């Protein structure tokens, strides 16, 4: 862990109660631990996906506007994905 900086945040009463409850039930040692874990998870999600909420919204709208899928069921989609993966694996050899 790097240098620690103290930051003050404002929470709704409901969120503050939820945070205190997590500490009181023994899930966390302190409110700072709860917030620290929440921020780490938030950062991991953002880093993993690499998209802002606005970009994800744009992608959803684009997908919705692209028409219906040629795959009727999830099994159809999985079958096609496996076929493409097998074809790609064969090409690498």
Protein backbone atom coordinates (compact mmCIF):
# COMPACT_ATOMS: atom_id res chain seq x y z
CA UNK A 1 0.00 0.00 0.00
CA UNK A 2 1.36 3.43 -0.88
CA UNK A 3 1.12 6.69 0.97
CA UNK A 4 -2.17 7.04 2.82
CA UNK A 5 -4.16 10.23 2.35
CA UNK A 6 -7.08 11.17 4.55
CA UNK A 7 -10.18 12.14 2.54
CA UNK A 8 -13.55 13.27 3.86
CA UNK A 9 -16.68 12.09 2.05
CA UNK A 10 -20.39 12.72 2.54
CA UNK A 11 -22.73 9.73 2.52
CA UNK A 12 -26.48 9.37 2.65
CA UNK A 13 -27.78 8.19 6.02
CA UNK A 14 -28.67 4.83 4.48
CA UNK A 15 -25.16 4.34 3.08
CA UNK A 16 -23.52 5.42 6.35
CA UNK A 17 -25.71 2.96 8.28
CA UNK A 18 -24.82 0.20 5.83
CA UNK A 19 -21.11 0.99 6.25
CA UNK A 20 -21.31 1.02 10.07
CA UNK A 21 -23.31 -2.21 10.04
CA UNK A 22 -20.60 -3.94 7.98
CA UNK A 23 -18.02 -2.96 10.61
CA UNK A 24 -20.22 -3.83 13.60
CA UNK A 25 -20.93 -7.31 12.20
CA UNK A 26 -17.18 -7.94 12.02
CA UNK A 27 -16.85 -7.96 8.26
CA UNK A 28 -14.38 -5.08 8.37
CA UNK A 29 -12.05 -3.59 10.96
CA UNK A 30 -13.01 0.01 10.20
CA UNK A 31 -15.11 2.21 7.92
CA UNK A 32 -11.90 3.02 6.03
CA UNK A 33 -11.51 -0.68 5.21
CA UNK A 34 -15.05 -0.80 3.79
CA UNK A 35 -14.49 2.26 1.63
CA UNK A 36 -11.02 1.08 0.59
CA UNK A 37 -12.38 -2.26 -0.61
CA UNK A 38 -15.24 -0.57 -2.45
CA UNK A 39 -12.84 1.76 -4.25
CA UNK A 40 -10.48 -1.11 -5.15
CA UNK A 41 -13.38 -3.12 -6.61
CA UNK A 42 -14.64 -0.08 -8.50
CA UNK A 43 -11.16 0.53 -9.93
CA UNK A 44 -10.76 -3.13 -10.91
CA UNK A 45 -14.08 -3.08 -12.76
CA UNK A 46 -13.15 0.11 -14.59
CA UNK A 47 -9.68 -1.20 -15.45
CA UNK A 48 -11.04 -4.57 -16.54
CA UNK A 49 -13.73 -3.22 -18.79
CA UNK A 50 -11.87 -0.12 -19.89
CA UNK A 51 -15.09 1.67 -20.77
CA UNK A 52 -16.81 4.62 -19.14
CA UNK A 53 -20.52 4.33 -18.34
CA UNK A 54 -21.21 6.66 -21.26
CA UNK A 55 -19.23 4.45 -23.66
CA UNK A 56 -21.06 1.35 -22.44
CA UNK A 57 -24.38 3.13 -22.97
CA UNK A 58 -23.34 4.05 -26.51
CA UNK A 59 -22.38 0.43 -27.18
CA UNK A 60 -25.74 -0.84 -25.91
CA UNK A 61 -27.63 1.65 -28.07
CA UNK A 62 -25.54 0.67 -31.10
CA UNK A 63 -26.21 -3.02 -30.47
CA UNK A 64 -29.94 -2.42 -30.04
CA UNK A 65 -30.01 -0.47 -33.29
CA UNK A 66 -28.15 -3.13 -35.27
CA UNK A 67 -31.17 -5.38 -35.65
CA UNK A 68 -31.93 -8.88 -34.49
CA UNK A 69 -29.32 -11.55 -34.04
CA UNK A 70 -29.10 -14.50 -36.38
CA UNK A 71 -28.76 -16.68 -33.28
CA UNK A 72 -32.12 -17.82 -31.97
CA UNK A 73 -30.89 -19.51 -28.80
CA UNK A 74 -27.86 -19.37 -26.55
CA UNK A 75 -26.98 -22.89 -27.73
CA UNK A 76 -26.85 -21.57 -31.32
CA UNK A 77 -24.49 -18.83 -30.22
CA UNK A 78 -22.26 -21.25 -28.28
CA UNK A 79 -22.11 -23.65 -31.22
CA UNK A 80 -20.97 -20.85 -33.53
CA UNK A 81 -18.41 -19.61 -30.99
CA UNK A 82 -16.97 -23.12 -30.66
CA UNK A 83 -16.83 -23.48 -34.46
CA UNK A 84 -14.96 -20.18 -34.81
CA UNK A 85 -12.59 -21.06 -31.96
CA UNK A 86 -11.81 -24.46 -33.50
CA UNK A 87 -11.20 -22.88 -36.90
CA UNK A 88 -8.87 -20.29 -35.38
CA UNK A 89 -7.00 -22.96 -33.39
CA UNK A 90 -6.52 -25.04 -36.55
CA UNK A 91 -5.09 -22.04 -38.42
CA UNK A 92 -2.40 -21.48 -35.75
CA UNK A 93 -0.87 -24.93 -36.28
